[in-house]
Amino acid sequence: MTLEKAHELIAMHSNLGSGYNRNAARMVLGEVMRDFGQETVDALIREYGLEQQWEIKPGTKFESAFKS
């Protein structure tokens, strides 16, 4: 996954805002974690306000469903 695609998906799910979108955002963060690491995940969480919206905190470890 590219960072541009991750931004696009997180923005879309954040704007929709349901619990299903929270789970989808967590899946995207898992992919970002696998490909880019914790710093990038934390930056996305802060940029899109995911802690305020869904209580997804910086420093949370996410796992991808797809192992590299």
Protein backbone atom coordinates (compact mmCIF):
# COMPACT_ATOMS: atom_id res chain seq x y z
CA MET A 1 0.00 0.00 0.00
CA THR A 2 1.26 3.48 -0.78
CA LEU A 3 1.10 6.31 1.74
CA GLU A 4 -1.12 8.25 -0.65
CA LYS A 5 -3.62 5.38 -0.73
CA ALA A 6 -3.45 5.05 3.07
CA HIS A 7 -4.24 8.76 3.46
CA GLU A 8 -7.13 8.45 1.02
CA LEU A 9 -8.63 5.44 2.81
CA ILE A 10 -8.18 6.81 6.34
CA ALA A 11 -9.73 10.14 5.29
CA MET A 12 -12.71 8.38 3.71
CA HIS A 13 -13.35 6.12 6.72
CA SER A 14 -12.84 8.98 9.16
CA ASN A 15 -15.40 11.10 7.34
CA LEU A 16 -17.97 8.29 7.32
CA GLY A 17 -17.39 7.67 11.01
CA SER A 18 -19.30 4.46 11.85
CA GLY A 19 -18.00 1.51 13.85
CA TYR A 20 -17.53 -0.44 10.64
CA ASN A 21 -15.34 2.38 9.37
CA ARG A 22 -13.33 2.23 12.59
CA ASN A 23 -12.54 -1.41 11.90
CA ALA A 24 -11.63 -0.64 8.30
CA ALA A 25 -9.34 2.18 9.45
CA ARG A 26 -7.65 -0.23 11.87
CA MET A 27 -7.04 -2.64 8.98
CA VAL A 28 -5.48 0.15 6.93
CA LEU A 29 -3.29 1.10 9.89
CA GLY A 30 -2.16 -2.55 10.09
CA GLU A 31 -1.02 -2.40 6.49
CA VAL A 32 0.77 0.90 7.10
CA MET A 33 2.44 -0.60 10.19
CA ARG A 34 3.71 -3.52 8.17
CA ASP A 35 5.01 -1.39 5.30
CA PHE A 36 6.13 1.85 6.99
CA GLY A 37 6.33 1.36 10.77
CA GLN A 38 4.99 2.85 13.98
CA GLU A 39 5.99 6.48 13.35
CA THR A 40 3.92 6.63 10.18
CA VAL A 41 0.94 5.00 11.89
CA ASP A 42 1.14 7.50 14.75
CA ALA A 43 1.32 10.39 12.28
CA LEU A 44 -1.86 9.18 10.55
CA ILE A 45 -3.64 8.78 13.88
CA ARG A 46 -2.76 12.36 14.83
CA GLU A 47 -3.42 13.86 11.40
CA TYR A 48 -6.95 12.46 11.16
CA GLY A 49 -7.85 12.81 14.85
CA LEU A 50 -8.50 9.11 15.30
CA GLU A 51 -7.87 9.27 19.04
CA GLN A 52 -10.71 11.75 19.52
CA GLN A 53 -12.99 10.02 17.02
CA TRP A 54 -12.48 6.35 17.87
CA GLU A 55 -10.01 6.27 20.79
CA ILE A 56 -7.28 4.86 18.55
CA LYS A 57 -4.16 6.04 20.38
CA PRO A 58 -0.68 6.75 19.02
CA GLY A 59 1.66 3.93 20.01
CA THR A 60 -0.98 1.25 19.44
CA LYS A 61 0.50 -1.74 17.65
CA PHE A 62 -1.49 -2.95 14.65
CA GLU A 63 -0.99 -6.20 12.79
CA SER A 64 -1.67 -6.74 9.14
CA ALA A 65 -3.92 -9.59 8.13
CA PHE A 66 -1.45 -10.12 5.29
CA LYS A 67 2.02 -11.10 6.41
CA SER A 68 4.93 -9.91 4.29
